[in-house]
C-alpha atoms as a PDB file:
ATOM      1  CA  MET A   1      -0.164   0.101  -0.104  1.00  0.00           C
ATOM      2  CA  ARG A   2       1.271   3.956  -0.740  1.00  0.00           C
ATOM      3  CA  PRO A   3       1.687   5.917   1.543  1.00  0.00           C
ATOM      4  CA  PHE A   4      -1.264   8.136   2.078  1.00  0.00           C
ATOM      5  CA  GLY A   5      -1.290  12.022   1.915  1.00  0.00           C
ATOM      6  CA  ARG A   6       1.496  13.966   0.143  1.00  0.00           C
ATOM      7  CA  ARG A   7       4.843  15.191   1.490  1.00  0.00           C
ATOM      8  CA  HIS A   8       5.486  18.498   2.563  1.00  0.00           C
ATOM      9  CA  PRO A   9       9.150  20.133   1.752  1.00  0.00           C
ATOM     10  CA  ALA A  10      10.512  19.157   5.154  1.00  0.00           C
ATOM     11  CA  GLY A  11       9.814  15.692   4.468  1.00  0.00           C
ATOM     12  CA  ARG A  12       6.693  15.141   6.920  1.00  0.00           C
ATOM     13  CA  PRO A  13       3.287  13.472   5.142  1.00  0.00           C
ATOM     14  CA  SER A  14       0.179  15.831   5.381  1.00  0.00           C
ATOM     15  CA  ARG A  15      -2.731  14.976   6.991  1.00  0.00           C
ATOM     16  CA  PRO A  16      -5.323  13.417   4.370  1.00  0.00           C
ATOM     17  CA  ARG A  17      -8.715  15.516   4.432  1.00  0.00           C
ATOM     18  CA  ALA A  18     -11.511  13.471   6.289  1.00  0.00           C
ATOM     19  CA  VAL A  19     -15.177  14.151   5.760  1.00  0.00           C
ATOM     20  CA  LYS A  20     -17.946  12.280   7.139  1.00  0.00           C
ATOM     21  CA  TYR A  21     -21.005  11.929   4.953  1.00  0.00           C
ATOM     22  CA  VAL A  22     -24.429  10.003   5.210  1.00  0.00           C
ATOM     23  CA  ALA A  23     -25.288   8.094   2.177  1.00  0.00           C
ATOM     24  CA  THR A  24     -29.534   7.410   2.299  1.00  0.00           C
ATOM     25  CA  ILE A  25     -30.456   4.375  -0.297  1.00  0.00           C
ATOM     26  CA  ALA A  26     -33.837   3.476  -0.298  1.00  0.00           C
ATOM     27  CA  GLY A  27     -34.556   5.305   3.278  1.00  0.00           C
ATOM     28  CA  HIS A  28     -31.649   3.825   4.838  1.00  0.00           C
ATOM     29  CA  PRO A  29     -28.749   6.220   5.786  1.00  0.00           C
ATOM     30  CA  THR A  30     -25.179   5.109   6.405  1.00  0.00           C
ATOM     31  CA  VAL A  31     -22.444   6.793   7.675  1.00  0.00           C
ATOM     32  CA  VAL A  32     -19.330   7.044   5.452  1.00  0.00           C
ATOM     33  CA  ASP A  33     -16.109   8.375   6.392  1.00  0.00           C
ATOM     34  CA  VAL A  34     -14.182   9.606   3.441  1.00  0.00           C
ATOM     35  CA  THR A  35     -10.560  10.088   3.763  1.00  0.00           C
ATOM     36  CA  GLY A  36      -8.562  11.451   0.473  1.00  0.00           C
ATOM     37  CA  GLY A  37      -6.275  13.533  -1.373  1.00  0.00           C
ATOM     38  CA  PRO A  38      -6.480  15.566  -4.346  1.00  0.00           C
ATOM     39  CA  ASP A  39      -4.411  12.499  -6.103  1.00  0.00           C
ATOM     40  CA  GLY A  40      -8.164  10.320  -6.587  1.00  0.00           C
ATOM     41  CA  HIS A  41      -6.747   7.758  -4.046  1.00  0.00           C
ATOM     42  CA  TYR A  42      -9.448   7.726  -0.705  1.00  0.00           C
ATOM     43  CA  ARG A  43     -10.254   5.446   2.145  1.00  0.00           C
ATOM     44  CA  LEU A  44     -13.767   4.742   2.569  1.00  0.00           C
ATOM     45  CA  THR A  45     -15.330   3.315   5.890  1.00  0.00           C
ATOM     46  CA  ILE A  46     -18.591   2.245   6.098  1.00  0.00           C
ATOM     47  CA  GLY A  47     -19.222   0.457   9.762  1.00  0.00           C
ATOM     48  CA  GLU A  48     -15.936  -1.656  10.270  1.00  0.00           C
ATOM     49  CA  GLU A  49     -15.754  -1.997   6.787  1.00  0.00           C
ATOM     50  CA  VAL A  50     -12.407  -0.180   5.424  1.00  0.00           C
ATOM     51  CA  TRP A  51     -12.075  -0.184   1.184  1.00  0.00           C
ATOM     52  CA  GLU A  52      -9.256   1.931  -0.483  1.00  0.00           C
ATOM     53  CA  VAL A  53     -10.517   3.430  -3.973  1.00  0.00           C
ATOM     54  CA  ASP A  54      -8.983   5.258  -7.124  1.00  0.00           C
ATOM     55  CA  ALA A  55     -11.063   7.305  -8.622  1.00  0.00           C
ATOM     56  CA  ARG A  56     -10.844   8.980 -11.577  1.00  0.00           C
ATOM     57  CA  LEU A  57     -13.532  11.104 -13.583  1.00  0.00           C
ATOM     58  CA  THR A  58     -13.302   9.825 -17.409  1.00  0.00           C
ATOM     59  CA  ALA A  59     -15.731  11.880 -19.038  1.00  0.00           C
ATOM     60  CA  GLN A  60     -19.058  14.102 -17.691  1.00  0.00           C
ATOM     61  CA  GLY A  61     -21.605  11.776 -16.023  1.00  0.00           C
ATOM     62  CA  PHE A  62     -18.967   8.614 -16.156  1.00  0.00           C
ATOM     63  CA  CYS A  63     -16.186   7.308 -12.999  1.00  0.00           C
ATOM     64  CA  SER A  64     -13.701   5.411 -13.090  1.00  0.00           C
ATOM     65  CA  LEU A  65     -13.167   3.225 -10.060  1.00  0.00           C
ATOM     66  CA  LEU A  66     -10.596   0.912  -9.080  1.00  0.00           C
ATOM     67  CA  VAL A  67     -11.907  -1.040  -5.584  1.00  0.00           C
ATOM     68  CA  GLY A  68     -10.175  -3.798  -4.080  1.00  0.00           C
ATOM     69  CA  GLY A  69      -8.060  -4.254  -7.367  1.00  0.00           C
ATOM     70  CA  VAL A  70     -11.608  -4.795  -9.473  1.00  0.00           C
ATOM     71  CA  SER A  71     -12.006  -1.727 -12.043  1.00  0.00           C
ATOM     72  CA  HIS A  72     -15.419  -0.521 -12.303  1.00  0.00           C
ATOM     73  CA  LEU A  73     -16.998   2.035 -14.726  1.00  0.00           C
ATOM     74  CA  ALA A  74     -19.943   4.166 -13.150  1.00  0.00           C
ATOM     75  CA  ALA A  75     -22.231   6.305 -14.886  1.00  0.00           C
ATOM     76  CA  VAL A  76     -23.702   9.280 -12.510  1.00  0.00           C
ATOM     77  CA  ILE A  77     -26.759  11.195 -13.013  1.00  0.00           C
ATOM     78  CA  ASP A  78     -28.087  14.319 -10.475  1.00  0.00           C
ATOM     79  CA  ARG A  79     -31.570  13.669 -10.117  1.00  0.00           C
ATOM     80  CA  ASP A  80     -33.024  16.534  -8.158  1.00  0.00           C
ATOM     81  CA  GLY A  81     -30.051  16.100  -5.552  1.00  0.00           C
ATOM     82  CA  THR A  82     -30.017  12.543  -5.776  1.00  0.00           C
ATOM     83  CA  CYS A  83     -27.105  10.724  -7.433  1.00  0.00           C
ATOM     84  CA  VAL A  84     -28.419   7.974  -9.912  1.00  0.00           C
ATOM     85  CA  VAL A  85     -25.586   5.571  -9.748  1.00  0.00           C
ATOM     86  CA  ASP A  86     -25.219   3.023 -12.550  1.00  0.00           C
ATOM     87  CA  VAL A  87     -22.627   0.565 -12.219  1.00  0.00           C
ATOM     88  CA  GLY A  88     -22.518  -3.263 -13.966  1.00  0.00           C
ATOM     89  CA  GLY A  89     -26.025  -2.599 -15.092  1.00  0.00           C
ATOM     90  CA  GLU A  90     -27.280  -2.247 -11.590  1.00  0.00           C
ATOM     91  CA  ALA A  91     -28.763   1.402 -10.845  1.00  0.00           C
ATOM     92  CA  TYR A  92     -29.286   2.936  -7.284  1.00  0.00           C
ATOM     93  CA  GLU A  93     -30.639   6.159  -6.107  1.00  0.00           C
ATOM     94  CA  ILE A  94     -28.190   7.408  -3.306  1.00  0.00           C
ATOM     95  CA  LEU A  95     -28.567  10.367  -1.459  1.00  0.00           C
ATOM     96  CA  VAL A  96     -25.436  11.771  -0.122  1.00  0.00           C
ATOM     97  CA  GLU A  97     -24.971  14.761   2.403  1.00  0.00           C
ATOM     98  CA  GLU A  98     -22.426  15.861   4.863  1.00  0.00           C
ATOM     99  CA  GLN A  99     -22.786  14.612   7.987  1.00  0.00           C
ATOM    100  CA  THR A 100     -23.747  17.831   9.380  1.00  0.00           C
ATOM    101  CA  ARG A 101     -26.215  18.478   7.043  1.00  0.00           C
ATOM    102  CA  TRP A 102     -27.745  15.474   7.376  1.00  0.00           C
ATOM    103  CA  ILE A 103     -28.353  15.635  11.504  1.00  0.00           C
ATOM    104  CA  ILE A 104     -29.292  19.049  10.657  1.00  0.00           C
ATOM    105  CA  ARG A 105     -32.134  18.060   8.297  1.00  0.00           C
ATOM    106  CA  THR A 106     -33.438  14.887  10.418  1.00  0.00           C
ATOM    107  CA  ARG A 107     -32.913  16.061  13.742  1.00  0.00           C
ATOM    108  CA  GLY A 108     -33.950  19.490  14.237  1.00  0.00           C
ATOM    109  CA  GLY A 109     -37.149  18.921  16.476  1.00  0.00           C
ATOM    110  CA  ILE A 110     -39.372  16.982  17.267  1.00  0.00           C
ATOM    111  CA  ALA A 111     -42.958  17.366  16.494  1.00  0.00           C
ATOM    112  CA  GLY A 112     -45.761  15.099  16.002  1.00  0.00           C
ATOM    113  CA  GLY A 113     -49.952  15.367  14.970  1.00  0.00           C
ATOM    114  CA  GLY A 114     -51.012  17.711  17.635  1.00  0.00           C
ATOM    115  CA  GLN A 115     -48.101  17.500  19.852  1.00  0.00           C
ATOM    116  CA  GLY A 116     -46.511  20.760  19.408  1.00  0.00           C
ATOM    117  CA  GLN A 117     -42.681  21.011  18.498  1.00  0.00           C
ATOM    118  CA  THR A 118     -39.929  20.649  21.112  1.00  0.00           C
ATOM    119  CA  LEU A 119     -36.610  22.019  19.201  1.00  0.00           C
ATOM    120  CA  THR A 120     -33.553  20.512  20.130  1.00  0.00           C
ATOM    121  CA  ALA A 121     -30.070  21.386  19.080  1.00  0.00           C
ATOM    122  CA  PRO A 122     -28.663  18.632  16.696  1.00  0.00           C
ATOM    123  CA  LEU A 123     -25.169  19.792  16.748  1.00  0.00           C
ATOM    124  CA  PRO A 124     -22.699  21.952  18.922  1.00  0.00           C
ATOM    125  CA  GLY A 125     -22.667  25.535  18.307  1.00  0.00           C
ATOM    126  CA  LYS A 126     -23.816  28.820  18.789  1.00  0.00           C
ATOM    127  CA  ILE A 127     -26.964  31.082  18.541  1.00  0.00           C
ATOM    128  CA  THR A 128     -26.842  34.124  16.743  1.00  0.00           C
ATOM    129  CA  HIS A 129     -30.345  34.819  16.534  1.00  0.00           C
ATOM    130  CA  VAL A 130     -33.664  34.069  18.204  1.00  0.00           C
ATOM    131  CA  ALA A 131     -36.701  34.937  15.878  1.00  0.00           C
ATOM    132  CA  VAL A 132     -39.512  34.661  17.986  1.00  0.00           C
ATOM    133  CA  ARG A 133     -40.806  35.394  21.735  1.00  0.00           C
ATOM    134  CA  PRO A 134     -42.967  33.497  23.898  1.00  0.00           C
ATOM    135  CA  GLY A 135     -46.561  33.948  23.034  1.00  0.00           C
ATOM    136  CA  ASP A 136     -45.741  34.307  19.355  1.00  0.00           C
ATOM    137  CA  GLN A 137     -47.748  32.317  16.845  1.00  0.00           C
ATOM    138  CA  VAL A 138     -45.675  30.636  14.068  1.00  0.00           C
ATOM    139  CA  ARG A 139     -46.641  28.558  11.342  1.00  0.00           C
ATOM    140  CA  ALA A 140     -44.992  25.498  10.004  1.00  0.00           C
ATOM    141  CA  GLY A 141     -41.851  26.812   8.221  1.00  0.00           C
ATOM    142  CA  ASP A 142     -41.404  30.208   9.947  1.00  0.00           C
ATOM    143  CA  THR A 143     -38.035  30.285  11.685  1.00  0.00           C
ATOM    144  CA  LEU A 144     -37.541  29.692  15.432  1.00  0.00           C
ATOM    145  CA  VAL A 145     -33.707  30.248  15.769  1.00  0.00           C
ATOM    146  CA  VAL A 146     -30.582  30.295  13.958  1.00  0.00           C
ATOM    147  CA  ILE A 147     -27.272  28.837  15.168  1.00  0.00           C
ATOM    148  CA  GLU A 148     -23.457  29.031  13.814  1.00  0.00           C
ATOM    149  CA  ALA A 149     -22.017  25.876  13.433  1.00  0.00           C
ATOM    150  CA  MET A 150     -18.881  24.573  11.763  1.00  0.00           C
ATOM    151  CA  LYS A 151     -18.466  28.384  10.317  1.00  0.00           C
ATOM    152  CA  MET A 152     -22.200  27.773   8.574  1.00  0.00           C
ATOM    153  CA  GLU A 153     -25.287  29.279  10.059  1.00  0.00           C
ATOM    154  CA  ASN A 154     -28.357  27.370   9.928  1.00  0.00           C
ATOM    155  CA  GLU A 155     -31.919  28.206  10.244  1.00  0.00           C
ATOM    156  CA  PHE A 156     -34.238  25.833  12.261  1.00  0.00           C
ATOM    157  CA  LYS A 157     -37.728  26.155  11.663  1.00  0.00           C
ATOM    158  CA  ALA A 158     -41.330  25.330  13.114  1.00  0.00           C
ATOM    159  CA  SER A 159     -42.667  21.914  12.058  1.00  0.00           C
ATOM    160  CA  THR A 160     -45.950  22.585  13.017  1.00  0.00           C
ATOM    161  CA  ALA A 161     -48.344  25.777  13.609  1.00  0.00           C
ATOM    162  CA  GLY A 162     -48.851  26.908  17.167  1.00  0.00           C
ATOM    163  CA  THR A 163     -47.697  29.574  20.025  1.00  0.00           C
ATOM    164  CA  VAL A 164     -44.002  29.596  21.252  1.00  0.00           C
ATOM    165  CA  SER A 165     -44.481  28.743  24.724  1.00  0.00           C
ATOM    166  CA  ASP A 166     -40.960  28.740  25.870  1.00  0.00           C
ATOM    167  CA  ILE A 167     -37.306  29.949  24.852  1.00  0.00           C
ATOM    168  CA  ARG A 168     -34.322  28.537  26.523  1.00  0.00           C
ATOM    169  CA  VAL A 169     -31.549  30.144  24.687  1.00  0.00           C
ATOM    170  CA  GLN A 170     -30.336  33.793  23.455  1.00  0.00           C
ATOM    171  CA  PRO A 171     -28.026  35.111  21.486  1.00  0.00           C
ATOM    172  CA  GLY A 172     -24.380  34.343  21.752  1.00  0.00           C
ATOM    173  CA  GLN A 173     -25.428  30.911  24.038  1.00  0.00           C
ATOM    174  CA  ALA A 174     -23.314  28.121  23.120  1.00  0.00           C
ATOM    175  CA  VAL A 175     -25.508  24.985  22.897  1.00  0.00           C
ATOM    176  CA  ASN A 176     -24.631  21.056  22.799  1.00  0.00           C
ATOM    177  CA  PRO A 177     -26.350  18.137  21.005  1.00  0.00           C
ATOM    178  CA  GLY A 178     -30.158  17.761  22.725  1.00  0.00           C
ATOM    179  CA  ASP A 179     -29.994  21.253  24.653  1.00  0.00           C
ATOM    180  CA  VAL A 180     -33.259  22.411  24.200  1.00  0.00           C
ATOM    181  CA  LEU A 181     -34.142  25.570  22.198  1.00  0.00           C
ATOM    182  CA  VAL A 182     -37.453  26.857  21.386  1.00  0.00           C
ATOM    183  CA  VAL A 183     -40.936  24.863  22.632  1.00  0.00           C
ATOM    184  CA  VAL A 184     -44.049  25.257  20.129  1.00  0.00           C
ATOM    185  CA  ARG A 185     -47.447  24.306  21.862  1.00  0.00           C
ATOM    186  CA  SER A 186     -49.759  23.266  18.884  1.00  0.00           C
ATOM    187  CA  ALA A 187     -52.742  24.951  18.022  1.00  0.00           C
ATOM    188  CA  ALA A 188     -54.527  21.851  18.433  1.00  0.00           C
ATOM    189  CA  GLU A 189     -53.544  21.331  21.743  1.00  0.00           C
ATOM    190  CA  GLY A 190     -54.992  23.916  23.577  1.00  0.00           C
ATOM    191  CA  GLU A 191     -54.607  26.181  26.397  1.00  0.00           C
ATOM    192  CA  PRO A 192     -52.472  24.574  29.579  1.00  0.00           C
ATOM    193  CA  ARG A 193     -54.718  23.343  31.882  1.00  0.00           C
ATOM    194  CA  PRO A 194     -54.410  24.468  35.782  1.00  0.00           C
END
């Protein structure tokens, strides 16, 4: 196996860039840890399995892959944000997202029919803006808070219509995964009973 990463002038190897993705196939998300450099050589870790992959873009929409010493030609088409990958006559629809984006999209809050919403922080970050106050009426899709995480600002929105009953954060506050940010009482819940 050849050395991983390129060398600095002083002879010390550089650290390959590592990125975590979530690949969702048929509704089943899987974390894929990708480490690689500009030379087209990648190490993919999927669960307990580690794959050494050489990948080269050969033409628009085609990629040449060398996986475990076996050569593959993959046709890749973007269909509304989902990759359709055809390898050896078998087609797969794969939604690939950076893990942080996937966490934000899937774990931004808990809501259910008539249950309201308890918005929790899906990852560590800093509150940059609180868009609502207790007593405010919100509709599904209204912005509740903005969190800066990994140098990106992420808006978190109401998933249900209702009334803001509790705000547990303020601008500038650091939050951790699972911290409750905002509570929205759904319109179907009515007024709390004494």
